Amino acid sequence: MLITFTCDAHADITMFGDVGQRLLKMMGHSGTVPSAILAEDVPAARDSLKRAIEIEKSAAADPSGNIQDKDINDQTVSLAYRALPLIELLEAAAKKNCDVMWRQK
């Protein structure tokens, strides 16, 4: 399954369903697809997602600042990088005060 996020202030974002649902839950949403966030709730959702990503990143780093269990040849894309397009969409939506919707593609 793919999830496509849309708003009037940004180009559509499509991502894998498991990643999209995880990010939705990090925003404080149930993860239901399809659904939406009203314009007035977008800034809070964006902030919740940013905080959750920071917590995720700090949990993956050990006290010396190194990423744990990462092989030099590991080419896994981190959740923080996967979240960047959605964070940009949420920032654009907050700036233009528009709703954000998502649906299964």
Protein backbone atom coordinates (compact mmCIF):
# COMPACT_ATOMS: atom_id res chain seq x y z
CA MET A 1 0.00 0.00 0.00
CA LEU A 2 1.08 3.57 -0.70
CA ILE A 3 -0.18 6.69 1.06
CA THR A 4 -0.42 10.02 -0.74
CA PHE A 5 -0.45 13.23 1.33
CA THR A 6 -1.97 16.32 -0.29
CA CYS A 7 -2.59 19.97 0.47
CA ASP A 8 -3.13 23.10 -1.60
CA ALA A 9 0.22 24.61 -0.58
CA HIS A 10 2.61 21.82 -1.65
CA ALA A 11 3.12 19.09 -4.21
CA ASP A 12 1.70 15.67 -3.31
CA ILE A 13 3.90 13.31 -1.27
CA THR A 14 3.62 9.54 -1.74
CA MET A 15 5.28 7.06 0.59
CA PHE A 16 5.06 3.43 1.59
CA GLY A 17 2.03 2.70 3.77
CA ASP A 18 3.91 1.37 6.80
CA VAL A 19 6.14 4.45 6.92
CA GLY A 20 3.22 6.81 6.32
CA GLN A 21 1.12 5.26 9.07
CA ARG A 22 4.04 5.39 11.49
CA LEU A 23 4.53 9.09 10.73
CA LEU A 24 0.80 9.71 11.14
CA LYS A 25 0.92 8.15 14.58
CA MET A 26 3.96 10.28 15.44
CA MET A 27 1.83 13.33 14.53
CA GLY A 28 -0.74 12.22 17.09
CA HIS A 29 -3.19 10.80 14.56
CA SER A 30 -4.72 7.32 14.63
CA GLY A 31 -3.10 6.27 11.36
CA THR A 32 -6.45 5.85 9.61
CA VAL A 33 -6.29 6.06 5.82
CA PRO A 34 -7.98 8.05 4.28
CA SER A 35 -8.28 10.98 6.63
CA ALA A 36 -7.25 14.62 7.11
CA ILE A 37 -5.99 17.26 9.50
CA LEU A 38 -7.78 20.59 9.60
CA ALA A 39 -5.69 23.68 8.92
CA GLU A 40 -5.80 24.85 12.55
CA ASP A 41 -4.41 21.48 13.74
CA VAL A 42 -1.54 21.29 11.23
CA PRO A 43 1.05 23.25 13.31
CA ALA A 44 0.52 20.96 16.32
CA ALA A 45 0.78 17.85 14.13
CA ARG A 46 3.99 19.17 12.54
CA ASP A 47 5.51 19.94 15.94
CA SER A 48 4.54 16.51 17.30
CA LEU A 49 6.15 14.83 14.30
CA LYS A 50 9.36 16.85 14.66
CA ARG A 51 9.59 16.03 18.39
CA ALA A 52 8.97 12.32 17.77
CA ILE A 53 11.65 12.24 15.05
CA GLU A 54 14.16 13.91 17.38
CA ILE A 55 13.35 11.37 20.11
CA GLU A 56 13.78 8.57 17.58
CA LYS A 57 17.14 9.96 16.44
CA SER A 58 18.45 10.37 19.99
CA ALA A 59 17.32 6.85 20.89
CA ALA A 60 19.34 5.48 17.95
CA ALA A 61 22.52 7.29 19.02
CA ASP A 62 24.74 6.02 21.80
CA PRO A 63 26.27 8.38 24.42
CA SER A 64 29.33 9.00 22.23
CA GLY A 65 27.05 10.27 19.45
CA ASN A 66 27.57 7.26 17.19
CA ILE A 67 24.66 5.46 15.61
CA GLN A 68 24.25 2.03 17.17
CA ASP A 69 24.25 -1.19 15.15
CA LYS A 70 25.06 0.53 11.86
CA ASP A 71 27.25 -1.31 9.44
CA ILE A 72 29.30 0.88 7.13
CA ASN A 73 27.59 -0.82 4.19
CA ASP A 74 24.09 -0.36 5.62
CA GLN A 75 22.06 1.66 3.12
CA THR A 76 18.84 1.86 5.10
CA VAL A 77 17.06 5.20 4.82
CA SER A 78 16.33 6.51 8.30
CA LEU A 79 12.85 7.51 9.39
CA ALA A 80 14.13 11.07 9.90
CA TYR A 81 15.00 11.33 6.20
CA ARG A 82 11.76 9.68 5.13
CA ALA A 83 9.85 12.24 7.21
CA LEU A 84 11.48 15.31 5.62
CA PRO A 85 9.08 15.64 2.64
CA LEU A 86 6.07 15.30 4.95
CA ILE A 87 7.50 17.88 7.36
CA GLU A 88 7.98 20.27 4.43
CA LEU A 89 4.38 19.67 3.33
CA LEU A 90 3.14 20.34 6.87
CA GLU A 91 5.20 23.54 7.09
CA ALA A 92 3.80 24.77 3.77
CA ALA A 93 0.26 23.90 4.88
CA ALA A 94 0.75 25.73 8.19
CA LYS A 95 2.09 28.79 6.40
CA LYS A 96 -0.85 28.92 3.95
CA ASN A 97 -3.40 27.75 6.55
CA CYS A 98 -4.74 24.82 4.54
CA ASP A 99 -5.94 21.32 5.38
CA VAL A 100 -3.76 18.24 4.85
CA MET A 101 -5.39 15.09 3.50
CA TRP A 102 -4.11 11.60 2.79
CA ARG A 103 -5.44 8.60 0.95
CA GLN A 104 -4.39 5.15 -0.10
CA LYS A 105 -2.92 5.02 -3.57
